Amino acid sequence: MTLLALERVSRDFDVSRPWLNRVIEREPRRVLRAVDGVSFEVRAGETLALVGESGCGKSTVARLIVGLYTPSEGSIAFRGRRMQMIFQDPYASLNPRWRVGKIVAEPLRFLNHSSGKSAQARVAELLTQVGLAPEDGDKYPHEFSGGQRQRISIARALAGEPDLLVCDEPTSALDVSVQAQILNLMSELQRRLQLTYVFISHNLAVVSQVADRVGVMYLGRIVELAPAREIFSRPRHPYTRMLLDAVPDLSMTGKPRVPVAGEVPNPLAPPPGCAFHPRCPHAQARCRVEQPASVDNVACHGVQEGWIRT
């Protein structure tokens, strides 16, 4: 069953200077298109990961899904009851003046799920579920480590009994050993509670552990969407290949690699044609003038016409 569907979703931000400055200096308005025609579906019980370099628009997609931003174009359909979000920085997303018990109980009060002693019992159950002690509800966020704070964030998200969890770089602020603990916890909770995840990350090593399908984003567009095993074993888009070549892998020692060269173009002035062509070693004349459509879930002229072998 399809739980979430995005259809040609775009999001623009007006980054113009103040009106008076523009009038005096005769500057036009400046509009940044952070997300450009993104379409995908998420099936119940699966994990869809969105990956790409910083600034590619993946976090904007996350905020569009949960309603923190409204789409400039396109539509988002959610067929579940509730969704929640887990943010990148667990400390910044927790109220430092509230005790943990109150933080976790807030969704319960808002949704009228529990009150009084039953709310306390539910908070204790949620804290235990994420590997903390019920007594931790009497502490403040600053008394916990980064990994423990992220566990608190997960407990708060689960308090609303969501069908969908949107996870925006949930492990990037954590040490590698702690990352593994949080990923294992999230996988266990998914199996136990039948959760669905949209997982945002720039770390392909992390994505390989959790994702069922992967969408690769570049400059606001999805350039490749495929099952995770295909992305990691037979990537088709040149950008996906370059991202994978940048992942440390001892089995590739001594073998040629093509790391991602150059910088992400300025989204206020994206290059014509395929946005990746200034950095692509396979770019041809058509790539410089015509934006590729997504055919068979990959947006690349070379793949579609056969002059890039996959």
C-alpha atoms as a PDB file:
ATOM      1  CA  MET A   1       0.000   0.000   0.000  1.00  0.00           C
ATOM      2  CA  THR A   2       1.274   3.485  -0.884  1.00  0.00           C
ATOM      3  CA  LEU A   3       1.427   5.555   2.302  1.00  0.00           C
ATOM      4  CA  LEU A   4       2.976   8.759   0.927  1.00  0.00           C
ATOM      5  CA  ALA A   5       3.016  10.136  -2.621  1.00  0.00           C
ATOM      6  CA  LEU A   6       4.728  13.267  -3.944  1.00  0.00           C
ATOM      7  CA  GLU A   7       3.743  14.417  -7.433  1.00  0.00           C
ATOM      8  CA  ARG A   8       5.989  16.985  -9.167  1.00  0.00           C
ATOM      9  CA  VAL A   9       6.597  18.896  -5.939  1.00  0.00           C
ATOM     10  CA  SER A  10       8.597  22.125  -6.134  1.00  0.00           C
ATOM     11  CA  ARG A  11       9.470  24.731  -3.535  1.00  0.00           C
ATOM     12  CA  ASP A  12      10.692  28.279  -4.213  1.00  0.00           C
ATOM     13  CA  PHE A  13      12.174  30.731  -1.725  1.00  0.00           C
ATOM     14  CA  ASP A  14      12.271  34.472  -2.298  1.00  0.00           C
ATOM     15  CA  VAL A  15      15.826  35.496  -1.370  1.00  0.00           C
ATOM     16  CA  SER A  16      15.572  39.022  -2.777  1.00  0.00           C
ATOM     17  CA  ARG A  17      17.101  41.989  -1.048  1.00  0.00           C
ATOM     18  CA  PRO A  18      14.685  44.422   0.658  1.00  0.00           C
ATOM     19  CA  TRP A  19      12.309  46.243  -1.699  1.00  0.00           C
ATOM     20  CA  LEU A  20      13.913  49.675  -1.280  1.00  0.00           C
ATOM     21  CA  ASN A  21      17.406  48.339  -2.045  1.00  0.00           C
ATOM     22  CA  ARG A  22      16.090  46.687  -5.200  1.00  0.00           C
ATOM     23  CA  VAL A  23      14.397  49.883  -6.337  1.00  0.00           C
ATOM     24  CA  ILE A  24      17.465  52.052  -5.713  1.00  0.00           C
ATOM     25  CA  GLU A  25      19.911  49.606  -7.269  1.00  0.00           C
ATOM     26  CA  ARG A  26      17.473  48.375  -9.931  1.00  0.00           C
ATOM     27  CA  GLU A  27      17.836  44.752  -8.968  1.00  0.00           C
ATOM     28  CA  PRO A  28      15.248  42.120  -9.951  1.00  0.00           C
ATOM     29  CA  ARG A  29      13.693  39.744  -7.478  1.00  0.00           C
ATOM     30  CA  ARG A  30      15.773  36.628  -6.773  1.00  0.00           C
ATOM     31  CA  VAL A  31      13.986  33.305  -6.394  1.00  0.00           C
ATOM     32  CA  LEU A  32      15.763  30.131  -5.322  1.00  0.00           C
ATOM     33  CA  ARG A  33      14.207  26.841  -6.414  1.00  0.00           C
ATOM     34  CA  ALA A  34      15.274  24.450  -3.657  1.00  0.00           C
ATOM     35  CA  VAL A  35      13.133  21.534  -4.847  1.00  0.00           C
ATOM     36  CA  ASP A  36      12.321  21.067  -8.520  1.00  0.00           C
ATOM     37  CA  GLY A  37       9.592  18.670  -9.644  1.00  0.00           C
ATOM     38  CA  VAL A  38      10.230  15.837  -7.178  1.00  0.00           C
ATOM     39  CA  SER A  39       7.995  12.762  -7.494  1.00  0.00           C
ATOM     40  CA  PHE A  40       8.129   9.503  -5.565  1.00  0.00           C
ATOM     41  CA  GLU A  41       6.001   7.103  -3.529  1.00  0.00           C
ATOM     42  CA  VAL A  42       6.679   5.453  -0.177  1.00  0.00           C
ATOM     43  CA  ARG A  43       5.051   2.123   0.569  1.00  0.00           C
ATOM     44  CA  ALA A  44       3.898   1.175   4.070  1.00  0.00           C
ATOM     45  CA  GLY A  45       6.623  -0.549   6.083  1.00  0.00           C
ATOM     46  CA  GLU A  46       9.582   0.413   3.894  1.00  0.00           C
ATOM     47  CA  THR A  47      12.460   2.847   4.277  1.00  0.00           C
ATOM     48  CA  LEU A  48      13.049   5.296   1.453  1.00  0.00           C
ATOM     49  CA  ALA A  49      16.343   7.173   1.744  1.00  0.00           C
ATOM     50  CA  LEU A  50      17.081  10.490   0.035  1.00  0.00           C
ATOM     51  CA  VAL A  51      20.799  11.128  -0.419  1.00  0.00           C
ATOM     52  CA  GLY A  52      22.990  13.809  -1.934  1.00  0.00           C
ATOM     53  CA  GLU A  53      25.498  16.520  -1.142  1.00  0.00           C
ATOM     54  CA  SER A  54      24.674  19.422   1.148  1.00  0.00           C
ATOM     55  CA  GLY A  55      22.376  21.901  -0.568  1.00  0.00           C
ATOM     56  CA  CYS A  56      20.714  19.381  -2.870  1.00  0.00           C
ATOM     57  CA  GLY A  57      17.259  19.960  -1.351  1.00  0.00           C
ATOM     58  CA  LYS A  58      16.743  16.742   0.602  1.00  0.00           C
ATOM     59  CA  SER A  59      16.047  18.462   3.948  1.00  0.00           C
ATOM     60  CA  THR A  60      13.610  20.808   2.209  1.00  0.00           C
ATOM     61  CA  VAL A  61      11.761  17.733   0.924  1.00  0.00           C
ATOM     62  CA  ALA A  62      11.578  16.445   4.514  1.00  0.00           C
ATOM     63  CA  ARG A  63      10.048  19.703   5.714  1.00  0.00           C
ATOM     64  CA  LEU A  64       7.598  19.705   2.826  1.00  0.00           C
ATOM     65  CA  ILE A  65       6.423  16.213   3.744  1.00  0.00           C
ATOM     66  CA  VAL A  66       5.656  17.092   7.366  1.00  0.00           C
ATOM     67  CA  GLY A  67       4.058  20.424   6.478  1.00  0.00           C
ATOM     68  CA  LEU A  68       6.703  22.823   7.804  1.00  0.00           C
ATOM     69  CA  TYR A  69       6.830  24.211   4.240  1.00  0.00           C
ATOM     70  CA  THR A  70       4.044  24.302   1.681  1.00  0.00           C
ATOM     71  CA  PRO A  71       4.797  23.313  -1.921  1.00  0.00           C
ATOM     72  CA  SER A  72       5.044  26.095  -4.502  1.00  0.00           C
ATOM     73  CA  GLU A  73       3.879  23.541  -7.073  1.00  0.00           C
ATOM     74  CA  GLY A  74       2.749  19.925  -7.062  1.00  0.00           C
ATOM     75  CA  SER A  75       0.920  17.839  -4.476  1.00  0.00           C
ATOM     76  CA  ILE A  76       1.658  15.653  -1.453  1.00  0.00           C
ATOM     77  CA  ALA A  77      -0.775  12.882  -0.480  1.00  0.00           C
ATOM     78  CA  PHE A  78      -0.501  11.091   2.865  1.00  0.00           C
ATOM     79  CA  ARG A  79      -2.794   8.120   3.451  1.00  0.00           C
ATOM     80  CA  GLY A  80      -1.869   7.414   7.063  1.00  0.00           C
ATOM     81  CA  ARG A  81      -3.093   8.902  10.330  1.00  0.00           C
ATOM     82  CA  ARG A  82      -0.070  10.737  11.651  1.00  0.00           C
ATOM     83  CA  MET A  83       3.548  11.503  10.867  1.00  0.00           C
ATOM     84  CA  GLN A  84       6.399  12.742  13.042  1.00  0.00           C
ATOM     85  CA  MET A  85       9.896  14.071  12.418  1.00  0.00           C
ATOM     86  CA  ILE A  86      13.278  13.316  13.968  1.00  0.00           C
ATOM     87  CA  PHE A  87      15.677  16.234  13.538  1.00  0.00           C
ATOM     88  CA  GLN A  88      19.400  16.325  12.874  1.00  0.00           C
ATOM     89  CA  ASP A  89      20.514  18.008  16.099  1.00  0.00           C
ATOM     90  CA  PRO A  90      18.862  16.260  19.061  1.00  0.00           C
ATOM     91  CA  TYR A  91      19.858  18.961  21.538  1.00  0.00           C
ATOM     92  CA  ALA A  92      18.493  21.841  19.468  1.00  0.00           C
ATOM     93  CA  SER A  93      15.168  20.037  19.011  1.00  0.00           C
ATOM     94  CA  LEU A  94      14.625  19.469  22.752  1.00  0.00           C
ATOM     95  CA  ASN A  95      13.418  22.221  25.103  1.00  0.00           C
ATOM     96  CA  PRO A  96      16.332  22.720  27.544  1.00  0.00           C
ATOM     97  CA  ARG A  97      13.964  24.054  30.254  1.00  0.00           C
ATOM     98  CA  TRP A  98      11.722  21.000  30.282  1.00  0.00           C
ATOM     99  CA  ARG A  99      12.383  17.702  31.948  1.00  0.00           C
ATOM    100  CA  VAL A 100      12.510  14.721  29.606  1.00  0.00           C
ATOM    101  CA  GLY A 101       9.257  13.324  30.947  1.00  0.00           C
ATOM    102  CA  LYS A 102       7.404  16.497  30.000  1.00  0.00           C
ATOM    103  CA  ILE A 103       9.046  16.562  26.550  1.00  0.00           C
ATOM    104  CA  VAL A 104       7.945  13.018  25.764  1.00  0.00           C
ATOM    105  CA  ALA A 105       4.478  13.571  27.266  1.00  0.00           C
ATOM    106  CA  GLU A 106       3.734  16.704  25.232  1.00  0.00           C
ATOM    107  CA  PRO A 107       2.407  14.793  22.152  1.00  0.00           C
ATOM    108  CA  LEU A 108       0.230  12.705  24.493  1.00  0.00           C
ATOM    109  CA  ARG A 109      -1.348  15.818  25.981  1.00  0.00           C
ATOM    110  CA  PHE A 110      -1.789  17.439  22.594  1.00  0.00           C
ATOM    111  CA  LEU A 111      -3.486  14.349  21.132  1.00  0.00           C
ATOM    112  CA  ASN A 112      -5.432  13.629  24.344  1.00  0.00           C
ATOM    113  CA  HIS A 113      -4.056  10.092  24.414  1.00  0.00           C
ATOM    114  CA  SER A 114      -3.394   9.976  28.133  1.00  0.00           C
ATOM    115  CA  SER A 115      -3.618  12.038  31.281  1.00  0.00           C
ATOM    116  CA  GLY A 116      -2.496  11.824  34.893  1.00  0.00           C
ATOM    117  CA  LYS A 117      -0.942   8.514  35.953  1.00  0.00           C
ATOM    118  CA  SER A 118      -1.625   6.880  32.592  1.00  0.00           C
ATOM    119  CA  ALA A 119       0.489   9.545  30.881  1.00  0.00           C
ATOM    120  CA  GLN A 120       3.355   8.864  33.283  1.00  0.00           C
ATOM    121  CA  ALA A 121       3.090   5.150  32.614  1.00  0.00           C
ATOM    122  CA  ARG A 122       3.124   5.737  28.859  1.00  0.00           C
ATOM    123  CA  VAL A 123       6.203   7.997  29.121  1.00  0.00           C
ATOM    124  CA  ALA A 124       8.000   5.322  31.154  1.00  0.00           C
ATOM    125  CA  GLU A 125       7.069   2.747  28.506  1.00  0.00           C
ATOM    126  CA  LEU A 126       8.358   4.946  25.677  1.00  0.00           C
ATOM    127  CA  LEU A 127      11.660   5.658  27.436  1.00  0.00           C
ATOM    128  CA  THR A 128      12.147   1.951  28.071  1.00  0.00           C
ATOM    129  CA  GLN A 129      11.324   1.233  24.432  1.00  0.00           C
ATOM    130  CA  VAL A 130      14.236   3.383  23.238  1.00  0.00           C
ATOM    131  CA  GLY A 131      16.731   1.973  25.723  1.00  0.00           C
ATOM    132  CA  LEU A 132      16.467   4.537  28.533  1.00  0.00           C
ATOM    133  CA  ALA A 133      15.266   4.143  32.122  1.00  0.00           C
ATOM    134  CA  PRO A 134      11.893   5.471  33.352  1.00  0.00           C
ATOM    135  CA  GLU A 135      13.823   7.487  35.970  1.00  0.00           C
ATOM    136  CA  ASP A 136      15.462   9.446  33.125  1.00  0.00           C
ATOM    137  CA  GLY A 137      12.190  11.332  32.746  1.00  0.00           C
ATOM    138  CA  ASP A 138      13.145  13.469  35.765  1.00  0.00           C
ATOM    139  CA  LYS A 139      16.333  14.764  34.098  1.00  0.00           C
ATOM    140  CA  TYR A 140      16.986  17.654  31.710  1.00  0.00           C
ATOM    141  CA  PRO A 141      18.338  17.219  28.141  1.00  0.00           C
ATOM    142  CA  HIS A 142      21.772  18.611  29.007  1.00  0.00           C
ATOM    143  CA  GLU A 143      22.346  15.686  31.391  1.00  0.00           C
ATOM    144  CA  PHE A 144      22.452  13.193  28.500  1.00  0.00           C
ATOM    145  CA  SER A 145      24.951  12.305  25.794  1.00  0.00           C
ATOM    146  CA  GLY A 146      24.234  12.981  22.115  1.00  0.00           C
ATOM    147  CA  GLY A 147      23.074   9.428  21.463  1.00  0.00           C
ATOM    148  CA  GLN A 148      20.796   9.474  24.507  1.00  0.00           C
ATOM    149  CA  ARG A 149      19.282  12.777  23.391  1.00  0.00           C
ATOM    150  CA  GLN A 150      18.473  11.260  20.017  1.00  0.00           C
ATOM    151  CA  ARG A 151      16.793   8.373  21.822  1.00  0.00           C
ATOM    152  CA  ILE A 152      14.671  10.951  23.647  1.00  0.00           C
ATOM    153  CA  SER A 153      13.769  12.535  20.301  1.00  0.00           C
ATOM    154  CA  ILE A 154      12.721   9.116  18.989  1.00  0.00           C
ATOM    155  CA  ALA A 155      10.626   8.482  22.117  1.00  0.00           C
ATOM    156  CA  ARG A 156       8.887  11.833  21.650  1.00  0.00           C
ATOM    157  CA  ALA A 157       8.185  11.014  17.994  1.00  0.00           C
ATOM    158  CA  LEU A 158       6.765   7.598  18.913  1.00  0.00           C
ATOM    159  CA  ALA A 159       4.470   9.166  21.524  1.00  0.00           C
ATOM    160  CA  GLY A 160       2.213  10.383  18.711  1.00  0.00           C
ATOM    161  CA  GLU A 161       1.821   6.815  17.377  1.00  0.00           C
ATOM    162  CA  PRO A 162       2.897   7.784  13.833  1.00  0.00           C
ATOM    163  CA  ASP A 163       2.585   5.701  10.699  1.00  0.00           C
ATOM    164  CA  LEU A 164       5.451   7.621   9.080  1.00  0.00           C
ATOM    165  CA  LEU A 165       8.684   8.946  10.565  1.00  0.00           C
ATOM    166  CA  VAL A 166      10.650  11.528   8.587  1.00  0.00           C
ATOM    167  CA  CYS A 167      14.254  11.320   9.774  1.00  0.00           C
ATOM    168  CA  ASP A 168      16.385  14.318   8.760  1.00  0.00           C
ATOM    169  CA  GLU A 169      20.062  13.289   9.166  1.00  0.00           C
ATOM    170  CA  PRO A 170      19.263  11.622  12.520  1.00  0.00           C
ATOM    171  CA  THR A 171      22.793  10.278  13.070  1.00  0.00           C
ATOM    172  CA  SER A 172      25.054  12.880  11.443  1.00  0.00           C
ATOM    173  CA  ALA A 173      25.718  14.715  14.723  1.00  0.00           C
ATOM    174  CA  LEU A 174      26.717  11.502  16.524  1.00  0.00           C
ATOM    175  CA  ASP A 175      29.940   9.510  16.862  1.00  0.00           C
ATOM    176  CA  VAL A 176      30.295   6.493  14.586  1.00  0.00           C
ATOM    177  CA  SER A 177      29.808   3.955  17.390  1.00  0.00           C
ATOM    178  CA  VAL A 178      26.703   5.789  18.609  1.00  0.00           C
ATOM    179  CA  GLN A 179      25.392   6.010  15.039  1.00  0.00           C
ATOM    180  CA  ALA A 180      25.324   2.225  14.857  1.00  0.00           C
ATOM    181  CA  GLN A 181      23.352   2.009  18.112  1.00  0.00           C
ATOM    182  CA  ILE A 182      20.725   4.476  16.890  1.00  0.00           C
ATOM    183  CA  LEU A 183      20.418   2.770  13.488  1.00  0.00           C
ATOM    184  CA  ASN A 184      19.981  -0.614  15.161  1.00  0.00           C
ATOM    185  CA  LEU A 185      17.341   0.872  17.459  1.00  0.00           C
ATOM    186  CA  MET A 186      15.454   2.403  14.534  1.00  0.00           C
ATOM    187  CA  SER A 187      15.532  -0.888  12.606  1.00  0.00           C
ATOM    188  CA  GLU A 188      14.256  -2.781  15.644  1.00  0.00           C
ATOM    189  CA  LEU A 189      11.439  -0.265  16.219  1.00  0.00           C
ATOM    190  CA  GLN A 190      10.473  -0.451  12.553  1.00  0.00           C
ATOM    191  CA  ARG A 191      10.077  -4.206  12.735  1.00  0.00           C
ATOM    192  CA  ARG A 192       8.245  -4.136  16.050  1.00  0.00           C
ATOM    193  CA  LEU A 193       5.894  -1.217  15.371  1.00  0.00           C
ATOM    194  CA  GLN A 194       5.564  -1.585  11.576  1.00  0.00           C
ATOM    195  CA  LEU A 195       6.870   1.932  10.976  1.00  0.00           C
ATOM    196  CA  THR A 196       7.588   3.587   7.642  1.00  0.00           C
ATOM    197  CA  TYR A 197      10.660   5.815   7.287  1.00  0.00           C
ATOM    198  CA  VAL A 198      11.741   8.589   4.966  1.00  0.00           C
ATOM    199  CA  PHE A 199      15.438   8.757   5.818  1.00  0.00           C
ATOM    200  CA  ILE A 200      17.453  11.838   4.818  1.00  0.00           C
ATOM    201  CA  SER A 201      21.234  11.463   4.738  1.00  0.00           C
ATOM    202  CA  HIS A 202      24.410  12.428   2.906  1.00  0.00           C
ATOM    203  CA  ASN A 203      26.180   9.320   4.217  1.00  0.00           C
ATOM    204  CA  LEU A 204      25.830   6.401   1.814  1.00  0.00           C
ATOM    205  CA  ALA A 205      27.444   4.017   4.298  1.00  0.00           C
ATOM    206  CA  VAL A 206      24.587   4.740   6.722  1.00  0.00           C
ATOM    207  CA  VAL A 207      21.959   4.493   3.988  1.00  0.00           C
ATOM    208  CA  SER A 208      23.215   1.062   2.923  1.00  0.00           C
ATOM    209  CA  GLN A 209      22.297  -0.282   6.380  1.00  0.00           C
ATOM    210  CA  VAL A 210      18.723   1.006   6.584  1.00  0.00           C
ATOM    211  CA  ALA A 211      17.225   1.720   3.150  1.00  0.00           C
ATOM    212  CA  ASP A 212      14.960  -0.436   1.011  1.00  0.00           C
ATOM    213  CA  ARG A 213      14.991   2.130  -1.803  1.00  0.00           C
ATOM    214  CA  VAL A 214      17.229   5.128  -2.449  1.00  0.00           C
ATOM    215  CA  GLY A 215      16.537   8.410  -4.222  1.00  0.00           C
ATOM    216  CA  VAL A 216      19.645  10.349  -5.272  1.00  0.00           C
ATOM    217  CA  MET A 217      19.129  14.121  -5.358  1.00  0.00           C
ATOM    218  CA  TYR A 218      21.140  16.769  -7.167  1.00  0.00           C
ATOM    219  CA  LEU A 219      20.304  20.476  -7.163  1.00  0.00           C
ATOM    220  CA  GLY A 220      16.687  19.965  -6.190  1.00  0.00           C
ATOM    221  CA  ARG A 221      15.872  17.040  -8.504  1.00  0.00           C
ATOM    222  CA  ILE A 222      15.892  13.264  -8.109  1.00  0.00           C
ATOM    223  CA  VAL A 223      18.359  11.966 -10.692  1.00  0.00           C
ATOM    224  CA  GLU A 224      18.062   8.273  -9.820  1.00  0.00           C
ATOM    225  CA  LEU A 225      15.574   6.206  -7.809  1.00  0.00           C
ATOM    226  CA  ALA A 226      16.039   2.466  -7.349  1.00  0.00           C
ATOM    227  CA  PRO A 227      16.119  -0.365  -4.788  1.00  0.00           C
ATOM    228  CA  ALA A 228      19.087   0.014  -2.464  1.00  0.00           C
ATOM    229  CA  ARG A 229      20.747  -3.193  -3.653  1.00  0.00           C
ATOM    230  CA  GLU A 230      20.715  -1.880  -7.244  1.00  0.00           C
ATOM    231  CA  ILE A 231      22.033   1.549  -6.273  1.00  0.00           C
ATOM    232  CA  PHE A 232      25.012  -0.011  -4.489  1.00  0.00           C
ATOM    233  CA  SER A 233      25.693  -2.838  -6.949  1.00  0.00           C
ATOM    234  CA  ARG A 234      24.832  -1.241 -10.304  1.00  0.00           C
ATOM    235  CA  PRO A 235      24.475   2.557 -10.112  1.00  0.00           C
ATOM    236  CA  ARG A 236      23.368   4.090 -13.401  1.00  0.00           C
ATOM    237  CA  HIS A 237      23.597   7.882 -13.087  1.00  0.00           C
ATOM    238  CA  PRO A 238      27.170   9.301 -13.220  1.00  0.00           C
ATOM    239  CA  TYR A 239      26.509  11.333 -10.086  1.00  0.00           C
ATOM    240  CA  THR A 240      25.462   8.220  -8.145  1.00  0.00           C
ATOM    241  CA  ARG A 241      28.622   6.464  -9.295  1.00  0.00           C
ATOM    242  CA  MET A 242      30.776   9.358  -8.128  1.00  0.00           C
ATOM    243  CA  LEU A 243      29.078   9.438  -4.718  1.00  0.00           C
ATOM    244  CA  LEU A 244      29.754   5.729  -4.287  1.00  0.00           C
ATOM    245  CA  ASP A 245      33.386   6.150  -5.391  1.00  0.00           C
ATOM    246  CA  ALA A 246      33.815   8.646  -2.555  1.00  0.00           C
ATOM    247  CA  VAL A 247      32.795   6.087   0.101  1.00  0.00           C
ATOM    248  CA  PRO A 248      35.854   4.518   1.831  1.00  0.00           C
ATOM    249  CA  ASP A 249      36.076   0.841   0.845  1.00  0.00           C
ATOM    250  CA  LEU A 250      39.105  -1.383   1.488  1.00  0.00           C
ATOM    251  CA  SER A 251      38.021  -3.766  -1.278  1.00  0.00           C
ATOM    252  CA  MET A 252      38.585  -0.942  -3.798  1.00  0.00           C
ATOM    253  CA  THR A 253      42.205  -0.340  -2.772  1.00  0.00           C
ATOM    254  CA  GLY A 254      44.342   0.148  -5.876  1.00  0.00           C
ATOM    255  CA  LYS A 255      41.364   0.308  -8.227  1.00  0.00           C
ATOM    256  CA  PRO A 256      40.574   3.443 -10.230  1.00  0.00           C
ATOM    257  CA  ARG A 257      37.920   5.746  -8.814  1.00  0.00           C
ATOM    258  CA  VAL A 258      36.250   8.901 -10.093  1.00  0.00           C
ATOM    259  CA  PRO A 259      35.446  11.099  -7.078  1.00  0.00           C
ATOM    260  CA  VAL A 260      32.922  13.915  -7.351  1.00  0.00           C
ATOM    261  CA  ALA A 261      34.802  16.874  -8.801  1.00  0.00           C
ATOM    262  CA  GLY A 262      34.018  20.563  -8.482  1.00  0.00           C
ATOM    263  CA  GLU A 263      31.309  22.224  -6.428  1.00  0.00           C
ATOM    264  CA  VAL A 264      27.531  22.171  -6.491  1.00  0.00           C
ATOM    265  CA  PRO A 265      26.416  25.030  -8.803  1.00  0.00           C
ATOM    266  CA  ASN A 266      24.777  28.122  -7.392  1.00  0.00           C
ATOM    267  CA  PRO A 267      21.049  27.244  -7.154  1.00  0.00           C
ATOM    268  CA  LEU A 268      20.221  30.900  -7.899  1.00  0.00           C
ATOM    269  CA  ALA A 269      21.855  30.467 -11.304  1.00  0.00           C
ATOM    270  CA  PRO A 270      21.707  26.768 -12.198  1.00  0.00           C
ATOM    271  CA  PRO A 271      23.499  25.695 -15.370  1.00  0.00           C
ATOM    272  CA  PRO A 272      21.369  25.152 -18.488  1.00  0.00           C
ATOM    273  CA  GLY A 273      20.478  21.647 -19.597  1.00  0.00           C
ATOM    274  CA  CYS A 274      21.468  18.897 -17.181  1.00  0.00           C
ATOM    275  CA  ALA A 275      22.463  20.558 -13.906  1.00  0.00           C
ATOM    276  CA  PHE A 276      25.221  17.977 -13.417  1.00  0.00           C
ATOM    277  CA  HIS A 277      26.911  18.504 -16.787  1.00  0.00           C
ATOM    278  CA  PRO A 278      29.682  20.910 -15.548  1.00  0.00           C
ATOM    279  CA  ARG A 279      30.956  18.108 -13.281  1.00  0.00           C
ATOM    280  CA  CYS A 280      30.128  15.075 -15.424  1.00  0.00           C
ATOM    281  CA  PRO A 281      33.008  13.339 -17.263  1.00  0.00           C
ATOM    282  CA  HIS A 282      30.539  11.978 -19.853  1.00  0.00           C
ATOM    283  CA  ALA A 283      28.775  15.258 -20.736  1.00  0.00           C
ATOM    284  CA  GLN A 284      28.028  15.879 -24.415  1.00  0.00           C
ATOM    285  CA  ALA A 285      26.494  18.750 -26.350  1.00  0.00           C
ATOM    286  CA  ARG A 286      22.893  17.717 -25.625  1.00  0.00           C
ATOM    287  CA  CYS A 287      23.576  17.676 -21.882  1.00  0.00           C
ATOM    288  CA  ARG A 288      24.516  21.363 -21.995  1.00  0.00           C
ATOM    289  CA  VAL A 289      21.235  22.552 -23.518  1.00  0.00           C
ATOM    290  CA  GLU A 290      18.474  20.044 -22.669  1.00  0.00           C
ATOM    291  CA  GLN A 291      17.361  19.006 -19.206  1.00  0.00           C
ATOM    292  CA  PRO A 292      16.906  15.210 -19.127  1.00  0.00           C
ATOM    293  CA  ALA A 293      13.530  13.773 -18.169  1.00  0.00           C
ATOM    294  CA  SER A 294      13.361  10.863 -15.754  1.00  0.00           C
ATOM    295  CA  VAL A 295      12.994   7.668 -17.779  1.00  0.00           C
ATOM    296  CA  ASP A 296      12.937   4.356 -15.924  1.00  0.00           C
ATOM    297  CA  ASN A 297      13.736   6.332 -12.753  1.00  0.00           C
ATOM    298  CA  VAL A 298      17.020   7.808 -14.009  1.00  0.00           C
ATOM    299  CA  ALA A 299      17.463  11.328 -15.417  1.00  0.00           C
ATOM    300  CA  CYS A 300      20.471  11.109 -17.747  1.00  0.00           C
ATOM    301  CA  HIS A 301      20.717  11.463 -21.537  1.00  0.00           C
ATOM    302  CA  GLY A 302      23.747   9.172 -21.667  1.00  0.00           C
ATOM    303  CA  VAL A 303      22.025   6.321 -19.825  1.00  0.00           C
ATOM    304  CA  GLN A 304      18.832   6.677 -21.860  1.00  0.00           C
ATOM    305  CA  GLU A 305      20.676   6.773 -25.197  1.00  0.00           C
ATOM    306  CA  GLY A 306      23.185   4.063 -24.316  1.00  0.00           C
ATOM    307  CA  TRP A 307      26.468   5.964 -24.561  1.00  0.00           C
ATOM    308  CA  ILE A 308      26.956   5.557 -20.814  1.00  0.00           C
ATOM    309  CA  ARG A 309      27.139   1.858 -19.992  1.00  0.00           C
ATOM    310  CA  THR A 310      25.415   0.685 -16.820  1.00  0.00           C
END
